[in-house]
Every structure is written in C-alpha cells, then in structure tokens.
C-alpha cells in the first residue's frame, strides 16, 4: 500500500488522513482502525474464502486482465463492504496486511479551542464504535 501526504492548511486545519502518511509539522492521533478487505466479483475463485493474502491475488497482470474484462479486484477498508453491498460483489478479509488506520491531523502550531473541541468530539465518536 502506498502512503500519502497529509495536506492541512490554515483555512481548514483539521483533516482525516489514512496512515501511513507524511505528518511532518502536524499533530496526529489515530481515531479509527479497521481491517482491510478485497472486493471480488462473486464468481471469482477466491470469493468464497474466509480470508486471503495479498500474494493469493496473484500478480498485476491478473488484476489488469480483470480490470480490462470488467471484473476488477480492489483492496479497501472493511467499511466499504457495508456501503457497496451488492449480490455481484464479494468482500473477503485480507489477512496479511495491517489494518487501515485513520488519523485526525492538524498543524502543530494550531491549538485553538475550536480544534481541541473538534478533536474531543471525534475522540468521543470513535470510542463509541
């Protein structure tokens, strides 16, 4: 999985970022963690499994072939399976990668009551999960 760069501006100082990310100059705290899954066409040979590894998805050639055929495979957070539940898709746990972590981030030099209040609400909501 590729990392990303967290971009946070003074105009909108609070951002949610997927980790790993470049958090240089930012205060960040993990507020959510969830397993990763693989989205597969229901007829795919791996669709009925209880879990698969990255290596079982084979290689880039297979993925490109499936994309070209309209039967793509995608790696996603497990919550995506709830939002994209369809009879023609199967979501199988990905067993050999770390769970996805989501962090709330804001610039180190921004410590306003608004930012702290927002972070407090996010912490409360995250603890209810």
C-alpha atoms as a PDB file:
ATOM      1  CA  UNK A   1       0.000   0.000   0.000  1.00  0.00           C
ATOM      2  CA  UNK A   2       1.264   3.432  -0.827  1.00  0.00           C
ATOM      3  CA  UNK A   3       1.489   6.173   1.756  1.00  0.00           C
ATOM      4  CA  UNK A   4       0.064   9.592   1.214  1.00  0.00           C
ATOM      5  CA  UNK A   5       0.936  13.129   2.100  1.00  0.00           C
ATOM      6  CA  UNK A   6      -1.301  14.849   4.603  1.00  0.00           C
ATOM      7  CA  UNK A   7      -2.116  18.355   3.420  1.00  0.00           C
ATOM      8  CA  UNK A   8      -3.518  20.631   6.064  1.00  0.00           C
ATOM      9  CA  UNK A   9      -3.979  24.365   5.567  1.00  0.00           C
ATOM     10  CA  UNK A  10      -4.697  27.175   7.988  1.00  0.00           C
ATOM     11  CA  UNK A  11      -8.106  27.666   6.345  1.00  0.00           C
ATOM     12  CA  UNK A  12      -9.161  24.117   7.168  1.00  0.00           C
ATOM     13  CA  UNK A  13      -6.820  22.979   9.921  1.00  0.00           C
ATOM     14  CA  UNK A  14      -8.448  19.628  10.761  1.00  0.00           C
ATOM     15  CA  UNK A  15      -8.151  16.710   8.347  1.00  0.00           C
ATOM     16  CA  UNK A  16      -8.660  12.976   8.405  1.00  0.00           C
ATOM     17  CA  UNK A  17      -5.757  11.101   6.823  1.00  0.00           C
ATOM     18  CA  UNK A  18      -5.149   7.446   6.057  1.00  0.00           C
ATOM     19  CA  UNK A  19      -1.901   6.211   7.524  1.00  0.00           C
ATOM     20  CA  UNK A  20       0.864   5.849   6.648  1.00  0.00           C
ATOM     21  CA  UNK A  21       1.213   9.482   5.637  1.00  0.00           C
ATOM     22  CA  UNK A  22       3.826  12.204   5.850  1.00  0.00           C
ATOM     23  CA  UNK A  23       2.772  14.023   9.022  1.00  0.00           C
ATOM     24  CA  UNK A  24       5.723  16.407   9.199  1.00  0.00           C
ATOM     25  CA  UNK A  25       4.677  19.541  11.088  1.00  0.00           C
ATOM     26  CA  UNK A  26       1.357  18.023  12.138  1.00  0.00           C
ATOM     27  CA  UNK A  27      -0.122  16.765  15.354  1.00  0.00           C
ATOM     28  CA  UNK A  28      -1.922  13.488  14.596  1.00  0.00           C
ATOM     29  CA  UNK A  29      -3.766  10.865  16.562  1.00  0.00           C
ATOM     30  CA  UNK A  30      -5.297   7.609  15.388  1.00  0.00           C
ATOM     31  CA  UNK A  31      -9.075   7.805  15.757  1.00  0.00           C
ATOM     32  CA  UNK A  32     -10.161   4.722  13.823  1.00  0.00           C
ATOM     33  CA  UNK A  33      -8.729   1.339  12.842  1.00  0.00           C
ATOM     34  CA  UNK A  34     -10.393  -1.265  10.630  1.00  0.00           C
ATOM     35  CA  UNK A  35      -9.410  -4.433   8.761  1.00  0.00           C
ATOM     36  CA  UNK A  36      -8.807  -4.399   5.030  1.00  0.00           C
ATOM     37  CA  UNK A  37     -10.764  -6.473   2.539  1.00  0.00           C
ATOM     38  CA  UNK A  38     -10.558  -7.444  -1.107  1.00  0.00           C
ATOM     39  CA  UNK A  39     -13.570  -6.753  -3.326  1.00  0.00           C
ATOM     40  CA  UNK A  40     -14.056  -9.514  -5.878  1.00  0.00           C
ATOM     41  CA  UNK A  41     -16.689 -10.482  -8.421  1.00  0.00           C
ATOM     42  CA  UNK A  42     -18.931 -13.087  -6.759  1.00  0.00           C
ATOM     43  CA  UNK A  43     -17.881 -15.729  -9.286  1.00  0.00           C
ATOM     44  CA  UNK A  44     -14.137 -15.262  -8.650  1.00  0.00           C
ATOM     45  CA  UNK A  45     -12.351 -18.397  -7.362  1.00  0.00           C
ATOM     46  CA  UNK A  46     -11.252 -16.559  -4.178  1.00  0.00           C
ATOM     47  CA  UNK A  47     -14.688 -15.060  -3.414  1.00  0.00           C
ATOM     48  CA  UNK A  48     -15.838 -17.868  -1.110  1.00  0.00           C
ATOM     49  CA  UNK A  49     -12.747 -17.847   1.108  1.00  0.00           C
ATOM     50  CA  UNK A  50     -12.771 -16.744   4.753  1.00  0.00           C
ATOM     51  CA  UNK A  51      -9.651 -14.665   4.130  1.00  0.00           C
ATOM     52  CA  UNK A  52      -6.885 -14.288   1.571  1.00  0.00           C
ATOM     53  CA  UNK A  53      -3.377 -12.881   1.422  1.00  0.00           C
ATOM     54  CA  UNK A  54      -2.014 -10.279  -0.953  1.00  0.00           C
ATOM     55  CA  UNK A  55       0.057 -12.971  -2.668  1.00  0.00           C
ATOM     56  CA  UNK A  56      -3.056 -15.052  -3.421  1.00  0.00           C
ATOM     57  CA  UNK A  57      -4.399 -12.269  -5.599  1.00  0.00           C
ATOM     58  CA  UNK A  58      -1.555 -13.328  -7.905  1.00  0.00           C
ATOM     59  CA  UNK A  59       0.034 -10.505  -9.815  1.00  0.00           C
ATOM     60  CA  UNK A  60      -0.510  -7.216 -11.519  1.00  0.00           C
ATOM     61  CA  UNK A  61      -1.120  -8.939 -14.839  1.00  0.00           C
ATOM     62  CA  UNK A  62      -4.143 -10.781 -13.419  1.00  0.00           C
ATOM     63  CA  UNK A  63      -5.531  -7.602 -11.916  1.00  0.00           C
ATOM     64  CA  UNK A  64      -5.076  -5.680 -15.165  1.00  0.00           C
ATOM     65  CA  UNK A  65      -6.703  -8.518 -17.080  1.00  0.00           C
ATOM     66  CA  UNK A  66      -9.686  -8.480 -14.738  1.00  0.00           C
ATOM     67  CA  UNK A  67      -9.956  -4.715 -14.950  1.00  0.00           C
ATOM     68  CA  UNK A  68      -9.966  -4.991 -18.732  1.00  0.00           C
ATOM     69  CA  UNK A  69     -12.726  -7.634 -18.526  1.00  0.00           C
ATOM     70  CA  UNK A  70     -14.784  -5.527 -16.148  1.00  0.00           C
ATOM     71  CA  UNK A  71     -14.139  -7.911 -13.257  1.00  0.00           C
ATOM     72  CA  UNK A  72     -11.663  -5.888 -11.209  1.00  0.00           C
ATOM     73  CA  UNK A  73     -10.273  -6.626  -7.783  1.00  0.00           C
ATOM     74  CA  UNK A  74      -9.858  -3.812  -5.277  1.00  0.00           C
ATOM     75  CA  UNK A  75      -8.285  -3.501  -1.848  1.00  0.00           C
ATOM     76  CA  UNK A  76     -10.398  -1.462   0.568  1.00  0.00           C
ATOM     77  CA  UNK A  77     -11.215  -0.813   4.208  1.00  0.00           C
ATOM     78  CA  UNK A  78     -13.829  -3.215   5.580  1.00  0.00           C
ATOM     79  CA  UNK A  79     -16.419  -0.444   5.939  1.00  0.00           C
ATOM     80  CA  UNK A  80     -16.542  -0.221   2.139  1.00  0.00           C
ATOM     81  CA  UNK A  81     -18.276  -3.609   2.100  1.00  0.00           C
ATOM     82  CA  UNK A  82     -21.191  -2.085   4.034  1.00  0.00           C
ATOM     83  CA  UNK A  83     -21.604   0.799   1.608  1.00  0.00           C
ATOM     84  CA  UNK A  84     -21.160  -1.262  -1.547  1.00  0.00           C
ATOM     85  CA  UNK A  85     -23.073  -4.416  -0.656  1.00  0.00           C
ATOM     86  CA  UNK A  86     -24.210  -5.943  -3.950  1.00  0.00           C
ATOM     87  CA  UNK A  87     -25.046  -9.512  -4.936  1.00  0.00           C
ATOM     88  CA  UNK A  88     -22.408  -9.467  -7.676  1.00  0.00           C
ATOM     89  CA  UNK A  89     -19.579  -8.470  -5.278  1.00  0.00           C
ATOM     90  CA  UNK A  90     -17.867 -10.482  -2.564  1.00  0.00           C
ATOM     91  CA  UNK A  91     -15.732  -8.888   0.151  1.00  0.00           C
ATOM     92  CA  UNK A  92     -13.056 -11.185   1.600  1.00  0.00           C
ATOM     93  CA  UNK A  93     -10.816 -10.251   4.560  1.00  0.00           C
ATOM     94  CA  UNK A  94      -7.215  -9.508   3.593  1.00  0.00           C
ATOM     95  CA  UNK A  95      -5.188 -11.414   6.187  1.00  0.00           C
ATOM     96  CA  UNK A  96      -1.557 -10.391   5.681  1.00  0.00           C
ATOM     97  CA  UNK A  97      -1.656  -6.595   5.933  1.00  0.00           C
ATOM     98  CA  UNK A  98      -2.006  -4.233   8.855  1.00  0.00           C
ATOM     99  CA  UNK A  99      -5.439  -2.750   9.481  1.00  0.00           C
ATOM    100  CA  UNK A 100      -6.160   0.624   7.952  1.00  0.00           C
ATOM    101  CA  UNK A 101      -5.658   3.476  10.401  1.00  0.00           C
ATOM    102  CA  UNK A 102      -7.332   6.851  10.117  1.00  0.00           C
ATOM    103  CA  UNK A 103      -5.824   9.776  11.980  1.00  0.00           C
ATOM    104  CA  UNK A 104      -7.115  13.223  12.780  1.00  0.00           C
ATOM    105  CA  UNK A 105      -4.353  15.733  11.990  1.00  0.00           C
ATOM    106  CA  UNK A 106      -3.810  19.449  12.388  1.00  0.00           C
ATOM    107  CA  UNK A 107      -0.776  21.750  12.208  1.00  0.00           C
ATOM    108  CA  UNK A 108       1.495  21.637  15.269  1.00  0.00           C
ATOM    109  CA  UNK A 109       1.192  25.404  15.660  1.00  0.00           C
ATOM    110  CA  UNK A 110      -2.633  25.415  15.703  1.00  0.00           C
ATOM    111  CA  UNK A 111      -4.017  24.690  19.167  1.00  0.00           C
ATOM    112  CA  UNK A 112      -7.248  26.655  19.305  1.00  0.00           C
ATOM    113  CA  UNK A 113     -10.371  25.863  21.338  1.00  0.00           C
ATOM    114  CA  UNK A 114     -12.143  25.075  18.043  1.00  0.00           C
ATOM    115  CA  UNK A 115      -9.536  22.478  17.079  1.00  0.00           C
ATOM    116  CA  UNK A 116      -9.466  20.970  20.562  1.00  0.00           C
ATOM    117  CA  UNK A 117     -13.286  20.853  20.674  1.00  0.00           C
ATOM    118  CA  UNK A 118     -13.453  19.148  17.290  1.00  0.00           C
ATOM    119  CA  UNK A 119     -10.788  16.613  18.340  1.00  0.00           C
ATOM    120  CA  UNK A 120     -12.740  15.914  21.540  1.00  0.00           C
ATOM    121  CA  UNK A 121     -15.943  15.184  19.592  1.00  0.00           C
ATOM    122  CA  UNK A 122     -14.072  12.918  17.174  1.00  0.00           C
ATOM    123  CA  UNK A 123     -12.492  11.007  20.081  1.00  0.00           C
ATOM    124  CA  UNK A 124     -15.912  10.514  21.674  1.00  0.00           C
ATOM    125  CA  UNK A 125     -17.495   9.315  18.441  1.00  0.00           C
ATOM    126  CA  UNK A 126     -14.574   6.987  17.734  1.00  0.00           C
ATOM    127  CA  UNK A 127     -14.782   5.447  21.213  1.00  0.00           C
ATOM    128  CA  UNK A 128     -18.466   4.595  20.593  1.00  0.00           C
ATOM    129  CA  UNK A 129     -17.540   2.385  17.630  1.00  0.00           C
END
